[in-house]
Amino acid sequence: QLRAALTDRVLEGVSEDGLGVMLAHLSAALADPLAEMADEALMMADEPPDAIRDLAVGAAQQAAFGGALALAAAALEMAEADDQRAGEEALEHPLLLRYRLFELGRWPLALSGRSLNLF
């Protein structure tokens, strides 16, 4: 629901084709670096690179997509309101916070009630 709402918001400012191109470019740019980081993390944990590698890469890509959508929505808010505070509030979006956790080397697995499970 969060991602759908952000997507709808971003589509108010860009075309569906433009958003698709941006997400495809982001996916292509992230594929190799994320795979390398997942392999390195699994090697350091002395785990074989199996299905968990693909899960980690996919989860990181989804977090990056959510972060990109949140940033685009924040830019729209700032442009439309001509107010930086509107954009700053948008930067607190849960999908951008999820991306920041990945950026810090954490894998947010699940949100249950008021508890967030990290790997």
PDB file of N, CA and C in Angstrom:
ATOM      1  N   GLN A   1       0.811  -1.193   0.000  1.00  0.00           N
ATOM      2  CA  GLN A   1       0.000   0.000   0.000  1.00  0.00           C
ATOM      3  C   GLN A   1       0.853   1.255   0.000  1.00  0.00           C
ATOM      4  N   LEU A   2       1.945   1.227   0.766  1.00  0.00           N
ATOM      5  CA  LEU A   2       2.823   2.394   0.814  1.00  0.00           C
ATOM      6  C   LEU A   2       3.445   2.663  -0.551  1.00  0.00           C
ATOM      7  N   ARG A   3       3.914   1.595  -1.178  1.00  0.00           N
ATOM      8  CA  ARG A   3       4.558   1.766  -2.482  1.00  0.00           C
ATOM      9  C   ARG A   3       3.543   2.206  -3.540  1.00  0.00           C
ATOM     10  N   ALA A   4       2.343   1.654  -3.488  1.00  0.00           N
ATOM     11  CA  ALA A   4       1.312   2.038  -4.458  1.00  0.00           C
ATOM     12  C   ALA A   4       0.951   3.511  -4.309  1.00  0.00           C
ATOM     13  N   ALA A   5       0.835   3.976  -3.073  1.00  0.00           N
ATOM     14  CA  ALA A   5       0.511   5.385  -2.847  1.00  0.00           C
ATOM     15  C   ALA A   5       1.628   6.287  -3.354  1.00  0.00           C
ATOM     16  N   LEU A   6       2.877   5.895  -3.099  1.00  0.00           N
ATOM     17  CA  LEU A   6       4.007   6.684  -3.595  1.00  0.00           C
ATOM     18  C   LEU A   6       4.044   6.684  -5.118  1.00  0.00           C
ATOM     19  N   THR A   7       3.790   5.540  -5.706  1.00  0.00           N
ATOM     20  CA  THR A   7       3.798   5.448  -7.169  1.00  0.00           C
ATOM     21  C   THR A   7       2.740   6.373  -7.764  1.00  0.00           C
ATOM     22  N   ASP A   8       1.547   6.348  -7.182  1.00  0.00           N
ATOM     23  CA  ASP A   8       0.488   7.246  -7.661  1.00  0.00           C
ATOM     24  C   ASP A   8       0.911   8.702  -7.532  1.00  0.00           C
ATOM     25  N   ARG A   9       1.546   9.035  -6.424  1.00  0.00           N
ATOM     26  CA  ARG A   9       1.980  10.420  -6.199  1.00  0.00           C
ATOM     27  C   ARG A   9       3.024  10.827  -7.228  1.00  0.00           C
ATOM     28  N   VAL A  10       3.996   9.965  -7.479  1.00  0.00           N
ATOM     29  CA  VAL A  10       5.064  10.278  -8.432  1.00  0.00           C
ATOM     30  C   VAL A  10       4.499  10.395  -9.849  1.00  0.00           C
ATOM     31  N   LEU A  11       3.510   9.564 -10.167  1.00  0.00           N
ATOM     32  CA  LEU A  11       2.918   9.615 -11.507  1.00  0.00           C
ATOM     33  C   LEU A  11       2.135  10.906 -11.755  1.00  0.00           C
ATOM     34  N   GLU A  12       1.899  11.681 -10.709  1.00  0.00           N
ATOM     35  CA  GLU A  12       1.297  13.005 -10.894  1.00  0.00           C
ATOM     36  C   GLU A  12       2.299  13.978 -11.513  1.00  0.00           C
ATOM     37  N   GLY A  13       3.590  13.655 -11.394  1.00  0.00           N
ATOM     38  CA  GLY A  13       4.621  14.560 -11.894  1.00  0.00           C
ATOM     39  C   GLY A  13       5.436  14.038 -13.059  1.00  0.00           C
ATOM     40  N   VAL A  14       5.408  12.718 -13.275  1.00  0.00           N
ATOM     41  CA  VAL A  14       6.159  12.130 -14.389  1.00  0.00           C
ATOM     42  C   VAL A  14       5.263  11.123 -15.104  1.00  0.00           C
ATOM     43  N   SER A  15       5.636  10.787 -16.324  1.00  0.00           N
ATOM     44  CA  SER A  15       4.842   9.813 -17.082  1.00  0.00           C
ATOM     45  C   SER A  15       5.122   8.402 -16.582  1.00  0.00           C
ATOM     46  N   GLU A  16       4.203   7.506 -16.867  1.00  0.00           N
ATOM     47  CA  GLU A  16       4.388   6.108 -16.492  1.00  0.00           C
ATOM     48  C   GLU A  16       5.610   5.527 -17.197  1.00  0.00           C
ATOM     49  N   ASP A  17       5.803   5.897 -18.462  1.00  0.00           N
ATOM     50  CA  ASP A  17       6.980   5.433 -19.201  1.00  0.00           C
ATOM     51  C   ASP A  17       8.260   5.959 -18.563  1.00  0.00           C
ATOM     52  N   GLY A  18       8.256   7.223 -18.179  1.00  0.00           N
ATOM     53  CA  GLY A  18       9.435   7.813 -17.549  1.00  0.00           C
ATOM     54  C   GLY A  18       9.786   7.123 -16.243  1.00  0.00           C
ATOM     55  N   LEU A  19       8.770   6.828 -15.437  1.00  0.00           N
ATOM     56  CA  LEU A  19       9.001   6.123 -14.178  1.00  0.00           C
ATOM     57  C   LEU A  19       9.524   4.718 -14.451  1.00  0.00           C
ATOM     58  N   GLY A  20       8.967   4.047 -15.447  1.00  0.00           N
ATOM     59  CA  GLY A  20       9.434   2.706 -15.800  1.00  0.00           C
ATOM     60  C   GLY A  20      10.882   2.698 -16.239  1.00  0.00           C
ATOM     61  N   VAL A  21      11.270   3.692 -17.031  1.00  0.00           N
ATOM     62  CA  VAL A  21      12.663   3.797 -17.480  1.00  0.00           C
ATOM     63  C   VAL A  21      13.583   4.024 -16.285  1.00  0.00           C
ATOM     64  N   MET A  22      13.171   4.898 -15.371  1.00  0.00           N
ATOM     65  CA  MET A  22      13.999   5.178 -14.195  1.00  0.00           C
ATOM     66  C   MET A  22      14.192   3.927 -13.345  1.00  0.00           C
ATOM     67  N   LEU A  23      13.115   3.186 -13.101  1.00  0.00           N
ATOM     68  CA  LEU A  23      13.226   1.984 -12.280  1.00  0.00           C
ATOM     69  C   LEU A  23      14.021   0.889 -12.991  1.00  0.00           C
ATOM     70  N   ALA A  24      13.880   0.768 -14.305  1.00  0.00           N
ATOM     71  CA  ALA A  24      14.666  -0.215 -15.062  1.00  0.00           C
ATOM     72  C   ALA A  24      16.149   0.136 -15.016  1.00  0.00           C
ATOM     73  N   HIS A  25      16.459   1.418 -15.154  1.00  0.00           N
ATOM     74  CA  HIS A  25      17.856   1.854 -15.081  1.00  0.00           C
ATOM     75  C   HIS A  25      18.422   1.590 -13.686  1.00  0.00           C
ATOM     76  N   LEU A  26      17.641   1.892 -12.666  1.00  0.00           N
ATOM     77  CA  LEU A  26      18.079   1.652 -11.292  1.00  0.00           C
ATOM     78  C   LEU A  26      18.338   0.166 -11.063  1.00  0.00           C
ATOM     79  N   SER A  27      17.452  -0.679 -11.559  1.00  0.00           N
ATOM     80  CA  SER A  27      17.610  -2.123 -11.415  1.00  0.00           C
ATOM     81  C   SER A  27      18.885  -2.611 -12.091  1.00  0.00           C
ATOM     82  N   ALA A  28      19.134  -2.144 -13.302  1.00  0.00           N
ATOM     83  CA  ALA A  28      20.338  -2.553 -14.032  1.00  0.00           C
ATOM     84  C   ALA A  28      21.603  -2.059 -13.345  1.00  0.00           C
ATOM     85  N   ALA A  29      21.562  -0.846 -12.830  1.00  0.00           N
ATOM     86  CA  ALA A  29      22.743  -0.280 -12.179  1.00  0.00           C
ATOM     87  C   ALA A  29      23.051  -0.975 -10.857  1.00  0.00           C
ATOM     88  N   LEU A  30      22.035  -1.504 -10.193  1.00  0.00           N
ATOM     89  CA  LEU A  30      22.230  -2.121  -8.880  1.00  0.00           C
ATOM     90  C   LEU A  30      22.519  -3.614  -8.932  1.00  0.00           C
ATOM     91  N   ALA A  31      22.178  -4.279 -10.018  1.00  0.00           N
ATOM     92  CA  ALA A  31      22.238  -5.743 -10.072  1.00  0.00           C
ATOM     93  C   ALA A  31      23.608  -6.297  -9.686  1.00  0.00           C
ATOM     94  N   ASP A  32      24.659  -5.881 -10.350  1.00  0.00           N
ATOM     95  CA  ASP A  32      25.990  -6.429 -10.063  1.00  0.00           C
ATOM     96  C   ASP A  32      26.529  -6.011  -8.699  1.00  0.00           C
ATOM     97  N   PRO A  33      26.484  -4.723  -8.333  1.00  0.00           N
ATOM     98  CA  PRO A  33      26.999  -4.355  -7.008  1.00  0.00           C
ATOM     99  C   PRO A  33      26.264  -5.056  -5.865  1.00  0.00           C
ATOM    100  N   LEU A  34      24.952  -5.194  -5.971  1.00  0.00           N
ATOM    101  CA  LEU A  34      24.208  -5.870  -4.909  1.00  0.00           C
ATOM    102  C   LEU A  34      24.566  -7.347  -4.837  1.00  0.00           C
ATOM    103  N   ALA A  35      24.726  -7.991  -5.982  1.00  0.00           N
ATOM    104  CA  ALA A  35      25.107  -9.404  -5.997  1.00  0.00           C
ATOM    105  C   ALA A  35      26.487  -9.591  -5.372  1.00  0.00           C
ATOM    106  N   GLU A  36      27.416  -8.698  -5.688  1.00  0.00           N
ATOM    107  CA  GLU A  36      28.761  -8.777  -5.110  1.00  0.00           C
ATOM    108  C   GLU A  36      28.722  -8.583  -3.599  1.00  0.00           C
ATOM    109  N   MET A  37      27.931  -7.622  -3.135  1.00  0.00           N
ATOM    110  CA  MET A  37      27.836  -7.389  -1.690  1.00  0.00           C
ATOM    111  C   MET A  37      27.184  -8.565  -0.981  1.00  0.00           C
ATOM    112  N   ALA A  38      26.165  -9.155  -1.597  1.00  0.00           N
ATOM    113  CA  ALA A  38      25.516 -10.320  -0.996  1.00  0.00           C
ATOM    114  C   ALA A  38      26.489 -11.491  -0.928  1.00  0.00           C
ATOM    115  N   ASP A  39      27.253 -11.722  -1.995  1.00  0.00           N
ATOM    116  CA  ASP A  39      28.252 -12.796  -1.991  1.00  0.00           C
ATOM    117  C   ASP A  39      29.288 -12.571  -0.898  1.00  0.00           C
ATOM    118  N   GLU A  40      29.738 -11.331  -0.765  1.00  0.00           N
ATOM    119  CA  GLU A  40      30.740 -11.014   0.258  1.00  0.00           C
ATOM    120  C   GLU A  40      30.180 -11.237   1.659  1.00  0.00           C
ATOM    121  N   ALA A  41      28.947 -10.807   1.895  1.00  0.00           N
ATOM    122  CA  ALA A  41      28.336 -10.996   3.212  1.00  0.00           C
ATOM    123  C   ALA A  41      28.167 -12.475   3.525  1.00  0.00           C
ATOM    124  N   LEU A  42      27.751 -13.265   2.541  1.00  0.00           N
ATOM    125  CA  LEU A  42      27.594 -14.698   2.758  1.00  0.00           C
ATOM    126  C   LEU A  42      28.938 -15.370   2.990  1.00  0.00           C
ATOM    127  N   MET A  43      29.971 -14.930   2.278  1.00  0.00           N
ATOM    128  CA  MET A  43      31.302 -15.490   2.470  1.00  0.00           C
ATOM    129  C   MET A  43      31.800 -15.180   3.888  1.00  0.00           C
ATOM    130  N   MET A  44      31.583 -13.953   4.343  1.00  0.00           N
ATOM    131  CA  MET A  44      32.025 -13.572   5.685  1.00  0.00           C
ATOM    132  C   MET A  44      31.274 -14.356   6.757  1.00  0.00           C
ATOM    133  N   ALA A  45      30.028 -14.734   6.466  1.00  0.00           N
ATOM    134  CA  ALA A  45      29.232 -15.515   7.408  1.00  0.00           C
ATOM    135  C   ALA A  45      29.465 -17.010   7.231  1.00  0.00           C
ATOM    136  N   ASP A  46      30.380 -17.373   6.314  1.00  0.00           N
ATOM    137  CA  ASP A  46      30.692 -18.766   6.014  1.00  0.00           C
ATOM    138  C   ASP A  46      29.440 -19.541   5.597  1.00  0.00           C
ATOM    139  N   GLU A  47      28.643 -18.900   4.763  1.00  0.00           N
ATOM    140  CA  GLU A  47      27.424 -19.506   4.228  1.00  0.00           C
ATOM    141  C   GLU A  47      27.566 -19.643   2.718  1.00  0.00           C
ATOM    142  N   PRO A  48      27.077 -20.733   2.146  1.00  0.00           N
ATOM    143  CA  PRO A  48      27.137 -20.874   0.684  1.00  0.00           C
ATOM    144  C   PRO A  48      26.164 -19.905   0.009  1.00  0.00           C
ATOM    145  N   PRO A  49      26.575 -19.336  -1.125  1.00  0.00           N
ATOM    146  CA  PRO A  49      25.667 -18.426  -1.838  1.00  0.00           C
ATOM    147  C   PRO A  49      24.570 -19.222  -2.541  1.00  0.00           C
ATOM    148  N   ASP A  50      23.453 -19.353  -1.884  1.00  0.00           N
ATOM    149  CA  ASP A  50      22.340 -20.104  -2.469  1.00  0.00           C
ATOM    150  C   ASP A  50      21.146 -19.173  -2.656  1.00  0.00           C
ATOM    151  N   ALA A  51      19.976 -19.651  -2.382  1.00  0.00           N
ATOM    152  CA  ALA A  51      18.763 -18.862  -2.619  1.00  0.00           C
ATOM    153  C   ALA A  51      18.719 -17.589  -1.787  1.00  0.00           C
ATOM    154  N   ILE A  52      19.367 -17.590  -0.631  1.00  0.00           N
ATOM    155  CA  ILE A  52      19.328 -16.393   0.210  1.00  0.00           C
ATOM    156  C   ILE A  52      19.988 -15.208  -0.499  1.00  0.00           C
ATOM    157  N   ARG A  53      20.952 -15.503  -1.364  1.00  0.00           N
ATOM    158  CA  ARG A  53      21.606 -14.434  -2.132  1.00  0.00           C
ATOM    159  C   ARG A  53      20.585 -13.718  -3.001  1.00  0.00           C
ATOM    160  N   ASP A  54      19.784 -14.495  -3.719  1.00  0.00           N
ATOM    161  CA  ASP A  54      18.776 -13.897  -4.592  1.00  0.00           C
ATOM    162  C   ASP A  54      17.723 -13.137  -3.786  1.00  0.00           C
ATOM    163  N   LEU A  55      17.367 -13.681  -2.621  1.00  0.00           N
ATOM    164  CA  LEU A  55      16.409 -12.989  -1.763  1.00  0.00           C
ATOM    165  C   LEU A  55      16.965 -11.652  -1.283  1.00  0.00           C
ATOM    166  N   ALA A  56      18.228 -11.657  -0.867  1.00  0.00           N
ATOM    167  CA  ALA A  56      18.850 -10.426  -0.376  1.00  0.00           C
ATOM    168  C   ALA A  56      18.950  -9.382  -1.484  1.00  0.00           C
ATOM    169  N   VAL A  57      19.357  -9.803  -2.667  1.00  0.00           N
ATOM    170  CA  VAL A  57      19.480  -8.868  -3.794  1.00  0.00           C
ATOM    171  C   VAL A  57      18.109  -8.304  -4.157  1.00  0.00           C
ATOM    172  N   GLY A  58      17.106  -9.157  -4.225  1.00  0.00           N
ATOM    173  CA  GLY A  58      15.753  -8.696  -4.549  1.00  0.00           C
ATOM    174  C   GLY A  58      15.205  -7.742  -3.502  1.00  0.00           C
ATOM    175  N   ALA A  59      15.442  -8.057  -2.235  1.00  0.00           N
ATOM    176  CA  ALA A  59      14.967  -7.182  -1.162  1.00  0.00           C
ATOM    177  C   ALA A  59      15.674  -5.832  -1.209  1.00  0.00           C
ATOM    178  N   ALA A  60      16.967  -5.845  -1.499  1.00  0.00           N
ATOM    179  CA  ALA A  60      17.714  -4.587  -1.592  1.00  0.00           C
ATOM    180  C   ALA A  60      17.228  -3.758  -2.778  1.00  0.00           C
ATOM    181  N   GLN A  61      16.944  -4.412  -3.900  1.00  0.00           N
ATOM    182  CA  GLN A  61      16.417  -3.676  -5.056  1.00  0.00           C
ATOM    183  C   GLN A  61      15.057  -3.073  -4.741  1.00  0.00           C
ATOM    184  N   GLN A  62      14.208  -3.814  -4.064  1.00  0.00           N
ATOM    185  CA  GLN A  62      12.898  -3.277  -3.693  1.00  0.00           C
ATOM    186  C   GLN A  62      13.042  -2.091  -2.739  1.00  0.00           C
ATOM    187  N   ALA A  63      14.001  -2.178  -1.824  1.00  0.00           N
ATOM    188  CA  ALA A  63      14.246  -1.054  -0.915  1.00  0.00           C
ATOM    189  C   ALA A  63      14.735   0.166  -1.690  1.00  0.00           C
ATOM    190  N   ALA A  64      15.592  -0.061  -2.676  1.00  0.00           N
ATOM    191  CA  ALA A  64      16.085   1.052  -3.499  1.00  0.00           C
ATOM    192  C   ALA A  64      14.954   1.665  -4.318  1.00  0.00           C
ATOM    193  N   PHE A  65      14.066   0.831  -4.853  1.00  0.00           N
ATOM    194  CA  PHE A  65      12.915   1.351  -5.599  1.00  0.00           C
ATOM    195  C   PHE A  65      12.048   2.215  -4.689  1.00  0.00           C
ATOM    196  N   GLY A  66      11.784   1.720  -3.482  1.00  0.00           N
ATOM    197  CA  GLY A  66      10.981   2.490  -2.530  1.00  0.00           C
ATOM    198  C   GLY A  66      11.646   3.797  -2.160  1.00  0.00           C
ATOM    199  N   GLY A  67      12.967   3.748  -1.956  1.00  0.00           N
ATOM    200  CA  GLY A  67      13.701   4.974  -1.648  1.00  0.00           C
ATOM    201  C   GLY A  67      13.652   5.967  -2.789  1.00  0.00           C
ATOM    202  N   ALA A  68      13.793   5.474  -4.011  1.00  0.00           N
ATOM    203  CA  ALA A  68      13.742   6.360  -5.180  1.00  0.00           C
ATOM    204  C   ALA A  68      12.362   6.990  -5.325  1.00  0.00           C
ATOM    205  N   LEU A  69      11.324   6.204  -5.097  1.00  0.00           N
ATOM    206  CA  LEU A  69       9.966   6.745  -5.172  1.00  0.00           C
ATOM    207  C   LEU A  69       9.738   7.797  -4.090  1.00  0.00           C
ATOM    208  N   ALA A  70      10.231   7.529  -2.882  1.00  0.00           N
ATOM    209  CA  ALA A  70      10.067   8.490  -1.788  1.00  0.00           C
ATOM    210  C   ALA A  70      10.806   9.787  -2.086  1.00  0.00           C
ATOM    211  N   LEU A  71      12.005   9.688  -2.654  1.00  0.00           N
ATOM    212  CA  LEU A  71      12.754  10.899  -3.010  1.00  0.00           C
ATOM    213  C   LEU A  71      12.054  11.679  -4.115  1.00  0.00           C
ATOM    214  N   ALA A  72      11.512  10.970  -5.098  1.00  0.00           N
ATOM    215  CA  ALA A  72      10.791  11.647  -6.179  1.00  0.00           C
ATOM    216  C   ALA A  72       9.541  12.340  -5.639  1.00  0.00           C
ATOM    217  N   ALA A  73       8.832  11.671  -4.735  1.00  0.00           N
ATOM    218  CA  ALA A  73       7.641  12.281  -4.132  1.00  0.00           C
ATOM    219  C   ALA A  73       8.025  13.499  -3.302  1.00  0.00           C
ATOM    220  N   ALA A  74       9.149  13.409  -2.586  1.00  0.00           N
ATOM    221  CA  ALA A  74       9.616  14.554  -1.795  1.00  0.00           C
ATOM    222  C   ALA A  74       9.953  15.732  -2.698  1.00  0.00           C
ATOM    223  N   ALA A  75      10.589  15.458  -3.825  1.00  0.00           N
ATOM    224  CA  ALA A  75      10.924  16.530  -4.769  1.00  0.00           C
ATOM    225  C   ALA A  75       9.656  17.188  -5.309  1.00  0.00           C
ATOM    226  N   LEU A  76       8.637  16.382  -5.596  1.00  0.00           N
ATOM    227  CA  LEU A  76       7.362  16.942  -6.064  1.00  0.00           C
ATOM    228  C   LEU A  76       6.718  17.810  -4.990  1.00  0.00           C
ATOM    229  N   GLU A  77       6.752  17.332  -3.750  1.00  0.00           N
ATOM    230  CA  GLU A  77       6.174  18.106  -2.646  1.00  0.00           C
ATOM    231  C   GLU A  77       6.868  19.455  -2.511  1.00  0.00           C
ATOM    232  N   MET A  78       8.189  19.451  -2.575  1.00  0.00           N
ATOM    233  CA  MET A  78       8.938  20.705  -2.440  1.00  0.00           C
ATOM    234  C   MET A  78       8.650  21.638  -3.606  1.00  0.00           C
ATOM    235  N   ALA A  79       8.567  21.092  -4.808  1.00  0.00           N
ATOM    236  CA  ALA A  79       8.328  21.924  -5.988  1.00  0.00           C
ATOM    237  C   ALA A  79       6.919  22.514  -5.980  1.00  0.00           C
ATOM    238  N   GLU A  80       5.949  21.702  -5.609  1.00  0.00           N
ATOM    239  CA  GLU A  80       4.562  22.170  -5.634  1.00  0.00           C
ATOM    240  C   GLU A  80       4.261  23.141  -4.504  1.00  0.00           C
ATOM    241  N   ALA A  81       4.797  22.869  -3.326  1.00  0.00           N
ATOM    242  CA  ALA A  81       4.519  23.721  -2.175  1.00  0.00           C
ATOM    243  C   ALA A  81       5.498  24.883  -2.093  1.00  0.00           C
ATOM    244  N   ASP A  82       6.574  24.811  -2.877  1.00  0.00           N
ATOM    245  CA  ASP A  82       7.647  25.803  -2.799  1.00  0.00           C
ATOM    246  C   ASP A  82       8.079  25.980  -1.350  1.00  0.00           C
ATOM    247  N   ASP A  83       8.167  24.839  -0.667  1.00  0.00           N
ATOM    248  CA  ASP A  83       8.466  24.838   0.762  1.00  0.00           C
ATOM    249  C   ASP A  83       9.335  23.624   1.065  1.00  0.00           C
ATOM    250  N   GLN A  84      10.520  23.881   1.561  1.00  0.00           N
ATOM    251  CA  GLN A  84      11.441  22.782   1.828  1.00  0.00           C
ATOM    252  C   GLN A  84      10.922  21.875   2.938  1.00  0.00           C
ATOM    253  N   ARG A  85      10.158  22.421   3.878  1.00  0.00           N
ATOM    254  CA  ARG A  85       9.649  21.590   4.974  1.00  0.00           C
ATOM    255  C   ARG A  85       8.719  20.491   4.468  1.00  0.00           C
ATOM    256  N   ALA A  86       7.967  20.769   3.420  1.00  0.00           N
ATOM    257  CA  ALA A  86       7.085  19.749   2.844  1.00  0.00           C
ATOM    258  C   ALA A  86       7.906  18.572   2.338  1.00  0.00           C
ATOM    259  N   GLY A  87       9.028  18.851   1.709  1.00  0.00           N
ATOM    260  CA  GLY A  87       9.906  17.789   1.227  1.00  0.00           C
ATOM    261  C   GLY A  87      10.592  17.055   2.353  1.00  0.00           C
ATOM    262  N   GLU A  88      10.960  17.784   3.402  1.00  0.00           N
ATOM    263  CA  GLU A  88      11.619  17.148   4.541  1.00  0.00           C
ATOM    264  C   GLU A  88      10.690  16.162   5.230  1.00  0.00           C
ATOM    265  N   GLU A  89       9.404  16.499   5.311  1.00  0.00           N
ATOM    266  CA  GLU A  89       8.440  15.563   5.890  1.00  0.00           C
ATOM    267  C   GLU A  89       8.336  14.309   5.027  1.00  0.00           C
ATOM    268  N   ALA A  90       8.380  14.486   3.730  1.00  0.00           N
ATOM    269  CA  ALA A  90       8.308  13.338   2.820  1.00  0.00           C
ATOM    270  C   ALA A  90       9.539  12.447   2.963  1.00  0.00           C
ATOM    271  N   LEU A  91      10.655  13.014   3.396  1.00  0.00           N
ATOM    272  CA  LEU A  91      11.877  12.225   3.562  1.00  0.00           C
ATOM    273  C   LEU A  91      11.803  11.280   4.758  1.00  0.00           C
ATOM    274  N   GLU A  92      10.768  11.392   5.558  1.00  0.00           N
ATOM    275  CA  GLU A  92      10.573  10.481   6.686  1.00  0.00           C
ATOM    276  C   GLU A  92       9.659   9.312   6.307  1.00  0.00           C
ATOM    277  N   HIS A  93       9.413   9.136   5.019  1.00  0.00           N
ATOM    278  CA  HIS A  93       8.536   8.059   4.558  1.00  0.00           C
ATOM    279  C   HIS A  93       9.129   6.703   4.950  1.00  0.00           C
ATOM    280  N   PRO A  94       8.301   5.758   5.399  1.00  0.00           N
ATOM    281  CA  PRO A  94       8.810   4.444   5.818  1.00  0.00           C
ATOM    282  C   PRO A  94       9.633   3.718   4.753  1.00  0.00           C
ATOM    283  N   LEU A  95       9.303   3.875   3.473  1.00  0.00           N
ATOM    284  CA  LEU A  95      10.082   3.187   2.443  1.00  0.00           C
ATOM    285  C   LEU A  95      11.473   3.789   2.290  1.00  0.00           C
ATOM    286  N   LEU A  96      11.612   5.073   2.536  1.00  0.00           N
ATOM    287  CA  LEU A  96      12.941   5.677   2.504  1.00  0.00           C
ATOM    288  C   LEU A  96      13.731   5.251   3.740  1.00  0.00           C
ATOM    289  N   LEU A  97      13.057   5.143   4.867  1.00  0.00           N
ATOM    290  CA  LEU A  97      13.723   4.658   6.078  1.00  0.00           C
ATOM    291  C   LEU A  97      14.178   3.212   5.898  1.00  0.00           C
ATOM    292  N   ARG A  98      13.371   2.408   5.216  1.00  0.00           N
ATOM    293  CA  ARG A  98      13.760   1.020   4.921  1.00  0.00           C
ATOM    294  C   ARG A  98      15.022   1.000   4.061  1.00  0.00           C
ATOM    295  N   TYR A  99      15.066   1.865   3.052  1.00  0.00           N
ATOM    296  CA  TYR A  99      16.258   1.960   2.209  1.00  0.00           C
ATOM    297  C   TYR A  99      17.473   2.342   3.049  1.00  0.00           C
ATOM    298  N   ARG A 100      17.300   3.271   3.963  1.00  0.00           N
ATOM    299  CA  ARG A 100      18.424   3.704   4.803  1.00  0.00           C
ATOM    300  C   ARG A 100      18.955   2.560   5.659  1.00  0.00           C
ATOM    301  N   LEU A 101      18.055   1.674   6.113  1.00  0.00           N
ATOM    302  CA  LEU A 101      18.515   0.507   6.868  1.00  0.00           C
ATOM    303  C   LEU A 101      19.400  -0.381   5.996  1.00  0.00           C
ATOM    304  N   PHE A 102      18.999  -0.610   4.760  1.00  0.00           N
ATOM    305  CA  PHE A 102      19.838  -1.378   3.837  1.00  0.00           C
ATOM    306  C   PHE A 102      21.175  -0.678   3.635  1.00  0.00           C
ATOM    307  N   GLU A 103      21.133   0.622   3.499  1.00  0.00           N
ATOM    308  CA  GLU A 103      22.351   1.398   3.283  1.00  0.00           C
ATOM    309  C   GLU A 103      23.320   1.227   4.453  1.00  0.00           C
ATOM    310  N   LEU A 104      22.770   1.021   5.648  1.00  0.00           N
ATOM    311  CA  LEU A 104      23.591   0.824   6.842  1.00  0.00           C
ATOM    312  C   LEU A 104      23.999  -0.635   7.038  1.00  0.00           C
ATOM    313  N   GLY A 105      23.640  -1.493   6.080  1.00  0.00           N
ATOM    314  CA  GLY A 105      24.049  -2.892   6.163  1.00  0.00           C
ATOM    315  C   GLY A 105      23.053  -3.784   6.872  1.00  0.00           C
ATOM    316  N   ARG A 106      21.838  -3.325   7.060  1.00  0.00           N
ATOM    317  CA  ARG A 106      20.803  -4.127   7.713  1.00  0.00           C
ATOM    318  C   ARG A 106      19.775  -4.576   6.695  1.00  0.00           C
ATOM    319  N   TRP A 107      19.143  -5.693   6.963  1.00  0.00           N
ATOM    320  CA  TRP A 107      18.114  -6.226   6.086  1.00  0.00           C
ATOM    321  C   TRP A 107      16.811  -6.266   6.875  1.00  0.00           C
ATOM    322  N   PRO A 108      15.925  -5.299   6.658  1.00  0.00           N
ATOM    323  CA  PRO A 108      14.643  -5.323   7.367  1.00  0.00           C
ATOM    324  C   PRO A 108      13.778  -6.467   6.845  1.00  0.00           C
ATOM    325  N   LEU A 109      13.552  -7.466   7.695  1.00  0.00           N
ATOM    326  CA  LEU A 109      12.821  -8.658   7.267  1.00  0.00           C
ATOM    327  C   LEU A 109      11.317  -8.520   7.422  1.00  0.00           C
ATOM    328  N   ALA A 110      10.882  -8.005   8.570  1.00  0.00           N
ATOM    329  CA  ALA A 110       9.440  -7.960   8.809  1.00  0.00           C
ATOM    330  C   ALA A 110       9.097  -6.868   9.805  1.00  0.00           C
ATOM    331  N   LEU A 111       7.917  -6.340   9.636  1.00  0.00           N
ATOM    332  CA  LEU A 111       7.355  -5.384  10.578  1.00  0.00           C
ATOM    333  C   LEU A 111       6.133  -6.050  11.176  1.00  0.00           C
ATOM    334  N   SER A 112       6.166  -6.249  12.484  1.00  0.00           N
ATOM    335  CA  SER A 112       5.066  -6.917  13.166  1.00  0.00           C
ATOM    336  C   SER A 112       4.661  -6.073  14.363  1.00  0.00           C
ATOM    337  N   GLY A 113       3.492  -5.484  14.296  1.00  0.00           N
ATOM    338  CA  GLY A 113       3.071  -4.591  15.373  1.00  0.00           C
ATOM    339  C   GLY A 113       3.995  -3.392  15.434  1.00  0.00           C
ATOM    340  N   ARG A 114       4.646  -3.225  16.574  1.00  0.00           N
ATOM    341  CA  ARG A 114       5.592  -2.117  16.732  1.00  0.00           C
ATOM    342  C   ARG A 114       7.028  -2.620  16.734  1.00  0.00           C
ATOM    343  N   SER A 115       7.230  -3.830  16.217  1.00  0.00           N
ATOM    344  CA  SER A 115       8.547  -4.455  16.211  1.00  0.00           C
ATOM    345  C   SER A 115       9.036  -4.643  14.775  1.00  0.00           C
ATOM    346  N   LEU A 116      10.289  -4.277  14.538  1.00  0.00           N
ATOM    347  CA  LEU A 116      10.905  -4.450  13.225  1.00  0.00           C
ATOM    348  C   LEU A 116      12.019  -5.477  13.359  1.00  0.00           C
ATOM    349  N   ASN A 117      11.930  -6.547  12.594  1.00  0.00           N
ATOM    350  CA  ASN A 117      12.943  -7.595  12.628  1.00  0.00           C
ATOM    351  C   ASN A 117      13.998  -7.312  11.574  1.00  0.00           C
ATOM    352  N   LEU A 118      15.268  -7.301  12.000  1.00  0.00           N
ATOM    353  CA  LEU A 118      16.390  -7.008  11.108  1.00  0.00           C
ATOM    354  C   LEU A 118      17.308  -8.203  11.016  1.00  0.00           C
ATOM    355  N   PHE A 119      17.999  -8.307   9.871  1.00  0.00           N
ATOM    356  CA  PHE A 119      19.028  -9.328   9.683  1.00  0.00           C
ATOM    357  C   PHE A 119      20.353  -8.622   9.573  1.00  0.00           C
TER     358      PHE A 119
END
